[in-house]
Protein backbone atom coordinates (compact mmCIF):
# COMPACT_ATOMS: atom_id res chain seq x y z
CA MET A 1 12.97 -22.86 10.11
CA ALA A 2 12.52 -24.81 6.92
CA LYS A 3 10.06 -23.36 4.46
CA SER A 4 8.11 -25.01 1.67
CA GLN A 5 5.96 -23.85 -1.19
CA ARG A 6 3.11 -25.72 -2.80
CA LYS A 7 4.31 -26.65 -6.27
CA PRO A 8 2.68 -28.74 -8.97
CA ILE A 9 4.14 -32.25 -9.50
CA SER A 10 4.92 -31.32 -13.09
CA ASN A 11 6.93 -28.14 -12.52
CA LEU A 12 6.70 -26.78 -16.02
CA GLU A 13 7.32 -23.16 -14.98
CA SER A 14 10.99 -22.43 -14.43
CA ASP A 15 11.59 -20.08 -11.49
CA ASN A 16 14.41 -18.33 -13.34
CA ARG A 17 12.57 -17.79 -16.62
CA ALA A 18 13.57 -14.44 -18.06
CA ASP A 19 10.95 -11.70 -17.80
CA CYS A 20 11.72 -10.67 -21.37
CA GLU A 21 10.38 -14.01 -22.56
CA LEU A 22 7.11 -13.36 -20.72
CA ASP A 23 6.91 -9.80 -22.07
CA SER A 24 7.45 -10.80 -25.67
CA PRO A 25 7.08 -7.85 -28.09
CA CYS A 26 4.68 -9.86 -30.28
CA GLU A 27 2.32 -10.30 -27.30
CA THR A 28 0.64 -13.38 -28.73
CA TYR A 29 -2.20 -15.08 -26.89
CA GLU A 30 0.19 -17.84 -25.85
CA ALA A 31 2.69 -15.30 -24.50
CA ARG A 32 0.05 -13.48 -22.48
CA SER A 33 -1.30 -16.77 -21.15
CA ARG A 34 2.17 -17.68 -19.89
CA TYR A 35 2.61 -14.19 -18.45
CA TRP A 36 -0.53 -14.42 -16.31
CA LEU A 37 0.08 -18.04 -15.39
CA ASN A 38 3.52 -17.11 -14.10
CA LYS A 39 1.91 -14.44 -11.91
CA THR A 40 -0.42 -16.96 -10.25
CA LEU A 41 2.34 -19.46 -9.55
CA ASP A 42 4.03 -17.14 -7.06
CA THR A 43 1.82 -17.73 -4.01
CA GLY A 44 4.58 -17.14 -1.47
CA TYR A 45 6.20 -19.53 0.98
CA ARG A 46 4.70 -21.22 3.99
CA ARG A 47 6.38 -22.77 6.98
CA ARG A 48 6.47 -26.54 6.77
CA ARG A 49 4.33 -26.87 9.90
CA ASP A 50 1.67 -24.39 8.74
CA ARG A 51 -1.44 -25.24 6.79
CA GLU A 52 -1.81 -23.97 3.25
CA LYS A 53 -3.82 -20.73 3.17
CA ASN A 54 -4.03 -20.09 -0.57
CA PRO A 55 -6.78 -21.56 -2.75
CA LEU A 56 -5.97 -23.75 -5.74
CA ILE A 57 -7.36 -22.16 -8.90
CA LEU A 58 -8.03 -24.33 -11.95
CA THR A 59 -9.12 -23.46 -15.47
CA GLY A 60 -8.81 -24.62 -19.06
CA HIS A 61 -9.93 -27.72 -20.93
CA GLY A 62 -9.34 -31.27 -19.78
CA LEU A 63 -9.01 -30.56 -16.05
CA SER A 64 -9.61 -33.46 -13.70
CA LEU A 65 -10.26 -34.14 -10.00
CA ARG A 66 -10.34 -37.79 -8.98
CA VAL A 67 -9.25 -40.07 -6.16
CA GLU A 68 -6.42 -42.44 -7.06
CA LYS A 69 -4.98 -44.91 -4.57
CA GLY A 70 -6.43 -43.07 -1.60
CA SER A 71 -5.13 -39.62 -2.56
CA LEU A 72 -6.68 -36.76 -4.48
CA SER A 73 -5.18 -36.34 -7.94
CA ILE A 74 -5.76 -32.99 -9.68
CA ARG A 75 -4.82 -32.07 -13.21
CA ASP A 76 -5.10 -28.51 -14.43
CA GLY A 77 -6.69 -27.75 -17.79
CA ASN A 78 -5.00 -26.53 -20.95
CA THR A 79 -5.39 -22.81 -21.63
CA HIS A 80 -2.96 -22.29 -24.50
CA PHE A 81 -0.68 -24.17 -26.88
CA PRO A 82 1.98 -25.31 -26.42
CA ALA A 83 1.69 -26.08 -22.70
CA GLU A 84 2.18 -28.95 -20.29
CA GLN A 85 -0.55 -30.00 -17.91
CA ARG A 86 0.14 -29.27 -14.24
CA HIS A 87 -0.53 -32.02 -11.70
CA TRP A 88 -1.00 -32.06 -7.92
CA ARG A 89 -1.49 -34.94 -5.49
CA PHE A 90 -2.85 -34.45 -1.96
CA PHE A 91 -2.94 -37.02 0.85
CA ASN A 92 -5.44 -37.27 3.69
CA GLY A 93 -4.74 -34.73 6.43
CA GLY A 94 -1.88 -33.09 4.53
CA LEU A 95 -0.92 -29.58 5.54
CA ASP A 96 -0.55 -28.66 1.87
CA ILE A 97 -4.24 -29.25 1.13
CA PRO A 98 -5.72 -25.94 -0.09
CA PRO A 99 -8.65 -24.48 1.88
CA ALA A 100 -10.61 -24.02 -1.34
CA ILE A 101 -10.54 -25.04 -4.98
CA VAL A 102 -11.90 -22.57 -7.53
CA ILE A 103 -12.72 -23.86 -11.03
CA ILE A 104 -13.03 -21.12 -13.64
CA ASP A 105 -15.05 -22.05 -16.73
CA GLY A 106 -13.15 -24.75 -18.68
CA SER A 107 -14.19 -28.36 -19.04
CA GLY A 108 -13.29 -31.70 -17.55
CA GLU A 109 -14.39 -34.07 -14.83
CA ILE A 110 -14.78 -34.37 -11.08
CA THR A 111 -15.73 -37.75 -9.67
CA LEU A 112 -18.11 -38.46 -6.79
CA ASP A 113 -15.17 -39.91 -4.87
CA ALA A 114 -13.32 -36.62 -5.31
CA MET A 115 -16.32 -34.64 -4.03
CA ASP A 116 -16.52 -36.90 -0.97
CA TRP A 117 -12.77 -36.50 -0.39
CA LEU A 118 -13.06 -32.69 -0.52
CA ALA A 119 -15.97 -32.75 1.95
CA ARG A 120 -14.04 -34.93 4.42
CA GLN A 121 -11.05 -32.59 4.23
CA SER A 122 -13.28 -29.47 4.58
CA VAL A 123 -12.20 -28.08 1.21
CA GLN A 124 -14.65 -25.65 -0.40
CA LEU A 125 -15.29 -26.06 -4.12
CA ILE A 126 -16.42 -23.03 -6.13
CA ARG A 127 -17.37 -23.17 -9.81
CA LEU A 128 -17.40 -19.90 -11.80
CA ARG A 129 -18.79 -19.36 -15.30
CA TRP A 130 -16.81 -17.66 -18.05
CA ASP A 131 -18.44 -14.30 -17.21
CA GLY A 132 -17.60 -14.43 -13.50
CA GLN A 133 -21.07 -15.50 -12.34
CA PHE A 134 -20.81 -18.47 -10.01
CA ASN A 135 -22.49 -21.73 -11.03
CA SER A 136 -22.26 -23.76 -7.86
CA VAL A 137 -20.58 -24.14 -4.50
CA LEU A 138 -19.76 -27.22 -2.46
CA SER A 139 -19.03 -27.03 1.23
CA SER A 140 -18.67 -29.61 3.96
CA GLY A 141 -20.85 -27.54 6.31
CA GLY A 142 -24.12 -28.55 4.69
CA GLN A 143 -27.40 -26.76 5.49
CA ALA A 144 -27.47 -25.95 9.19
CA ALA A 145 -30.71 -23.97 8.94
CA SER A 146 -31.71 -21.97 12.00
CA ILE A 147 -35.45 -21.36 12.29
CA GLU A 148 -34.73 -18.28 14.38
CA ASN A 149 -32.44 -16.79 11.73
CA ILE A 150 -34.78 -17.53 8.83
CA LEU A 151 -37.77 -16.05 10.70
CA TRP A 152 -35.63 -12.96 11.36
CA GLN A 153 -34.99 -12.68 7.60
CA HIS A 154 -38.72 -12.85 6.80
CA GLU A 155 -39.68 -10.37 9.53
CA THR A 156 -36.95 -7.90 8.62
CA ARG A 157 -37.89 -7.97 4.94
CA LYS A 158 -41.58 -7.28 5.67
CA ASN A 159 -41.00 -4.55 8.26
CA PRO A 160 -40.06 -1.21 6.59
CA GLU A 161 -38.31 0.11 9.69
CA LEU A 162 -36.27 -3.04 10.29
CA ARG A 163 -35.44 -3.25 6.58
CA ALA A 164 -34.16 0.32 6.55
CA GLU A 165 -32.17 -0.26 9.75
CA PHE A 166 -30.52 -3.35 8.27
CA GLY A 167 -29.70 -1.51 5.03
CA LEU A 168 -28.34 1.51 6.90
CA LYS A 169 -25.73 -0.54 8.74
CA LEU A 170 -24.55 -2.12 5.49
CA LEU A 171 -24.48 1.25 3.73
CA ILE A 172 -22.32 2.88 6.40
CA LYS A 173 -19.82 -0.01 6.32
CA LYS A 174 -19.70 0.05 2.53
CA ALA A 175 -19.21 3.82 2.42
CA ARG A 176 -16.32 3.68 4.89
CA ASN A 177 -14.67 0.82 3.00
CA THR A 178 -15.15 2.82 -0.20
CA LEU A 179 -13.27 5.78 1.27
CA THR A 180 -10.43 3.51 2.41
CA THR A 181 -10.15 1.95 -1.04
CA MET A 182 -10.04 5.38 -2.63
CA GLU A 183 -7.34 6.55 -0.24
CA GLU A 184 -5.08 3.56 -0.79
CA TYR A 185 -5.71 2.37 -4.36
CA VAL A 186 -7.22 5.13 -6.53
CA PRO A 187 -4.76 7.74 -7.86
CA ARG A 188 -5.47 11.35 -6.88
CA SER A 189 -7.11 13.61 -9.42
CA ARG A 190 -9.54 16.54 -9.49
CA ILE A 191 -12.35 14.03 -9.90
CA TRP A 192 -11.01 12.09 -6.90
CA GLU A 193 -10.91 15.16 -4.66
CA LYS A 194 -14.49 16.13 -5.42
CA ALA A 195 -15.82 12.56 -5.14
CA TYR A 196 -13.99 11.89 -1.88
CA GLN A 197 -15.44 15.05 -0.33
CA ASN A 198 -18.95 14.21 -1.54
CA ILE A 199 -18.82 10.63 -0.25
CA SER A 200 -17.43 11.76 3.10
CA THR A 201 -20.21 14.32 3.44
CA GLN A 202 -22.91 11.82 2.45
CA THR A 203 -21.55 9.23 4.87
CA GLN A 204 -21.50 11.68 7.76
CA SER A 205 -24.98 12.89 6.85
CA VAL A 206 -26.47 9.39 6.73
CA VAL A 207 -24.94 8.62 10.14
CA GLU A 208 -26.33 11.77 11.75
CA GLN A 209 -29.66 11.88 9.92
CA PRO A 210 -30.60 8.54 8.28
CA PRO A 211 -33.01 8.55 5.30
CA ARG A 212 -36.66 8.33 6.26
CA ASP A 213 -37.41 5.25 4.18
CA PHE A 214 -35.78 2.38 2.31
CA GLN A 215 -35.99 4.07 -1.09
CA GLY A 216 -34.12 7.06 0.30
CA LEU A 217 -31.44 4.71 1.53
CA LEU A 218 -31.07 3.18 -1.94
CA GLY A 219 -30.80 6.67 -3.38
CA VAL A 220 -27.85 7.50 -1.12
CA GLU A 221 -26.17 4.19 -1.92
CA GLY A 222 -26.54 4.82 -5.65
CA ALA A 223 -25.11 8.32 -5.34
CA ILE A 224 -22.07 7.08 -3.41
CA ALA A 225 -21.45 4.28 -5.92
CA SER A 226 -21.71 6.75 -8.81
CA GLU A 227 -19.20 9.13 -7.23
CA TYR A 228 -16.85 6.23 -6.44
CA PHE A 229 -16.75 4.72 -9.91
CA ARG A 230 -16.45 8.16 -11.46
CA THR A 231 -12.99 8.36 -9.89
CA TRP A 232 -12.01 5.27 -11.87
CA SER A 233 -12.40 7.26 -15.09
CA ALA A 234 -9.23 9.18 -14.19
CA ILE A 235 -7.17 6.00 -13.78
CA PRO A 236 -4.91 5.50 -16.83
CA ILE A 237 -5.41 2.09 -18.48
CA LYS A 238 -2.13 1.16 -20.13
CA TRP A 239 -2.07 -0.79 -23.44
CA LYS A 240 0.69 -2.03 -25.71
CA ALA A 241 0.98 -3.72 -29.11
CA THR A 242 -2.20 -1.94 -30.22
CA LYS A 243 -0.98 -1.81 -33.83
CA HIS A 244 -0.87 -5.60 -33.94
CA TYR A 245 -3.94 -6.07 -31.75
CA PRO A 246 -6.25 -3.02 -32.00
CA ILE A 247 -8.65 -2.28 -29.14
CA PRO A 248 -12.05 -0.51 -29.09
CA ASP A 249 -11.71 3.18 -28.28
CA ASP A 250 -13.87 2.86 -25.18
CA TRP A 251 -11.33 0.46 -23.65
CA ARG A 252 -8.85 3.30 -23.18
CA LYS A 253 -10.90 4.68 -20.30
CA PHE A 254 -13.36 3.32 -17.76
CA THR A 255 -16.65 5.22 -17.64
CA SER A 256 -19.44 2.94 -16.45
CA ARG A 257 -20.39 -0.37 -14.81
CA ALA A 258 -23.02 -0.82 -17.52
CA ALA A 259 -22.31 -2.93 -20.62
CA VAL A 260 -22.67 0.06 -22.91
CA ARG A 261 -21.67 -1.38 -26.29
CA SER A 262 -23.92 -4.46 -26.03
CA GLY A 263 -26.98 -2.30 -25.38
CA CYS A 264 -27.46 -4.12 -22.07
CA PRO A 265 -27.60 -1.99 -18.90
CA ARG A 266 -26.55 -4.96 -16.77
CA ALA A 267 -22.87 -5.13 -15.85
CA TYR A 268 -22.69 -8.92 -16.05
CA ARG A 269 -22.55 -8.79 -19.88
CA ALA A 270 -19.28 -6.91 -19.72
CA THR A 271 -18.07 -5.12 -22.83
CA HIS A 272 -15.23 -3.38 -21.00
CA PRO A 273 -12.18 -5.21 -19.57
CA ILE A 274 -12.48 -3.63 -16.12
CA ASN A 275 -16.11 -4.70 -15.83
CA ALA A 276 -15.14 -8.21 -16.91
CA MET A 277 -12.52 -8.40 -14.14
CA LEU A 278 -14.91 -6.94 -11.57
CA ASN A 279 -17.49 -9.59 -12.46
CA TYR A 280 -15.04 -12.35 -11.56
CA ALA A 281 -14.15 -10.66 -8.28
CA TYR A 282 -17.81 -10.25 -7.34
CA GLY A 283 -18.54 -13.85 -8.37
CA VAL A 284 -15.96 -15.11 -5.87
CA LEU A 285 -17.34 -12.75 -3.21
CA THR A 286 -20.91 -13.97 -3.81
CA ALA A 287 -19.92 -17.63 -3.52
CA ARG A 288 -17.86 -17.06 -0.38
CA THR A 289 -20.69 -15.08 1.24
CA GLN A 290 -23.30 -17.69 0.37
CA MET A 291 -21.26 -20.47 1.95
CA LYS A 292 -20.82 -18.48 5.16
CA LEU A 293 -24.53 -17.69 5.36
CA ILE A 294 -25.49 -21.33 4.92
CA ALA A 295 -23.02 -22.40 7.59
CA ASP A 296 -24.44 -19.77 9.95
CA GLY A 297 -28.01 -21.02 9.47
CA TYR A 298 -29.43 -18.41 7.08
CA ASP A 299 -31.31 -18.94 3.82
CA PRO A 300 -29.15 -17.17 1.21
CA THR A 301 -32.12 -16.77 -1.16
CA ILE A 302 -34.30 -14.70 1.22
CA GLY A 303 -33.15 -11.19 0.44
CA ILE A 304 -33.87 -8.06 2.45
CA MET A 305 -32.45 -5.34 0.20
CA HIS A 306 -32.36 -7.47 -2.96
CA ASP A 307 -35.90 -8.82 -3.06
CA ASP A 308 -37.12 -9.83 -6.52
CA LYS A 309 -40.25 -11.94 -6.06
CA GLU A 310 -40.05 -13.34 -9.59
CA THR A 311 -36.61 -14.85 -9.04
CA ARG A 312 -36.89 -15.66 -5.35
CA GLY A 313 -35.17 -18.94 -4.60
CA LYS A 314 -33.19 -18.83 -7.86
CA TYR A 315 -30.32 -16.60 -6.78
CA PRO A 316 -28.64 -15.77 -3.46
CA ALA A 317 -30.37 -12.47 -2.74
CA PHE A 318 -29.34 -12.40 0.93
CA ALA A 319 -25.73 -13.05 -0.07
CA LEU A 320 -25.95 -10.04 -2.40
CA ASP A 321 -27.27 -8.02 0.55
CA THR A 322 -24.62 -8.91 3.06
CA MET A 323 -21.67 -8.78 0.67
CA GLU A 324 -22.23 -5.09 -0.16
CA PRO A 325 -19.68 -3.73 2.37
CA MET A 326 -17.05 -6.07 0.90
CA ARG A 327 -17.38 -4.91 -2.69
CA PRO A 328 -14.93 -1.98 -2.27
CA ILE A 329 -12.51 -4.38 -0.59
CA VAL A 330 -12.38 -6.88 -3.46
CA ASP A 331 -12.12 -3.91 -5.86
CA ARG A 332 -8.61 -3.45 -4.47
CA GLY A 333 -7.30 -6.50 -6.31
CA ILE A 334 -8.63 -5.17 -9.62
CA LEU A 335 -7.22 -1.72 -8.94
CA ASN A 336 -3.85 -3.30 -8.17
CA ILE A 337 -3.86 -4.99 -11.58
CA ILE A 338 -4.93 -1.82 -13.40
CA ASN A 339 -2.27 0.28 -11.67
CA THR A 340 0.63 -2.13 -12.31
CA VAL A 341 -0.03 -3.94 -15.60
CA THR A 342 0.19 -2.93 -19.25
CA PHE A 343 -2.51 -4.89 -21.08
CA THR A 344 -2.88 -6.22 -24.61
CA ARG A 345 -5.99 -7.18 -26.56
CA ASN A 346 -5.03 -10.84 -26.06
CA ASP A 347 -5.89 -10.42 -22.38
CA PHE A 348 -9.53 -9.82 -23.34
CA PRO A 349 -10.92 -11.79 -26.31
CA ILE A 350 -14.14 -10.29 -27.76
CA GLN A 351 -17.16 -12.47 -28.50
CA HIS A 352 -19.40 -12.03 -31.54
CA ASP A 353 -21.93 -10.04 -29.46
CA GLY A 354 -19.31 -7.57 -28.20
CA VAL A 355 -19.01 -9.11 -24.75
CA CYS A 356 -15.37 -9.47 -23.72
CA ARG A 357 -13.94 -12.46 -21.90
CA LEU A 358 -10.80 -12.78 -19.82
CA ASN A 359 -7.77 -14.76 -20.81
CA PRO A 360 -8.22 -17.84 -18.56
CA ASN A 361 -4.94 -17.24 -16.77
CA LEU A 362 -5.79 -13.57 -16.18
CA ALA A 363 -9.10 -14.77 -14.70
CA ARG A 364 -7.07 -17.09 -12.48
CA ARG A 365 -5.01 -14.11 -11.30
CA VAL A 366 -8.13 -12.03 -10.57
CA VAL A 367 -9.60 -14.83 -8.46
CA GLN A 368 -6.30 -15.27 -6.63
CA LEU A 369 -6.07 -11.58 -5.69
CA THR A 370 -9.74 -11.49 -4.70
CA LYS A 371 -9.31 -14.42 -2.32
CA ALA A 372 -6.21 -12.78 -0.88
CA HIS A 373 -8.10 -9.58 -0.03
CA LEU A 374 -11.05 -11.54 1.37
CA SER A 375 -8.74 -13.52 3.63
CA CYS A 376 -7.93 -10.27 5.43
CA ILE A 377 -11.57 -9.96 6.54
CA GLU A 378 -12.35 -13.67 6.97
CA ASN A 379 -13.32 -13.23 10.61
CA ASP A 380 -15.55 -10.22 10.02
CA THR A 381 -19.24 -10.68 10.81
CA LEU A 382 -21.35 -10.37 7.68
CA VAL A 383 -24.71 -9.94 9.38
CA ASN A 384 -25.04 -7.52 12.27
CA LYS A 385 -27.68 -9.68 13.91
CA ILE A 386 -25.16 -12.49 14.55
């Protein structure tokens, strides 16, 4: 059967480009940008009669989404120099239309006609900031609020027993997914052996004898997360060209989700490359979860576990609740990168305040792998009540 692959109209990337050119010894920013861009271009083949399953990921400056002569015209942004701008054109009802478009940072334009076109074709639009936090989402589903579901959210949040029951189910799922991720993606070490045993014991204990209150539940979750990320400290982070592009000493090992060097305990101001990549992965997960909750009739801002009264209505607290079991799953894409790639400092530019950013094309790769892992659980129910 004939096969086809979605390719940009301007096919600037040669399929037979030598790997040595992409792994240039000088490891300039432009070389690393091309290296990561080449990784994202290989999205696999699809049968001509199948619909496209991979999202289209855009970044850089000067990107554009507009309707021209009845079709959607998309131009990717510029991320490095020299580079040619990639261009796609999609027609109504086309099987090559991506299920989602993810815009990472960058600058450019999207017209109202383009937004209407995406809604008619049921294409989700996700906008991520430079630090991985999502800015906005656009979905054709709209707000299909269910009074029953929203009342359930309010009642569950106010009732200590129901709140603990809801959190317990999420905790057990997250713990089991954590163990699977450790088994398949985290290299064995003495730290791994001890952590795996501790998490297994805690998971079994919480199943047989749940914590008496919600705070106890949070304590168990924190302990499991601490054990899990401790195993990441034994994962070797490979670097090259450090004489040309020196790196901070703390980048040679992963020790914490906190932004230690910036003096900020919050992980979203990442000062370590792994935290920066994780932030992008979790940003995609948050956006995807929020869209599903809205489509299913929930209010994504009414949290049950995440319940900050001062910021209520300003961030998707319920999405943060229900996405917890999926965090170890999207971690797998980051672990895959860490285990297979030798980095350079040009993959992670450092801002004046010590916060590190991702090379735009590396960010594109992180988003691509995150969406791929999420697609494996697309039909999973996020809320046990449903």
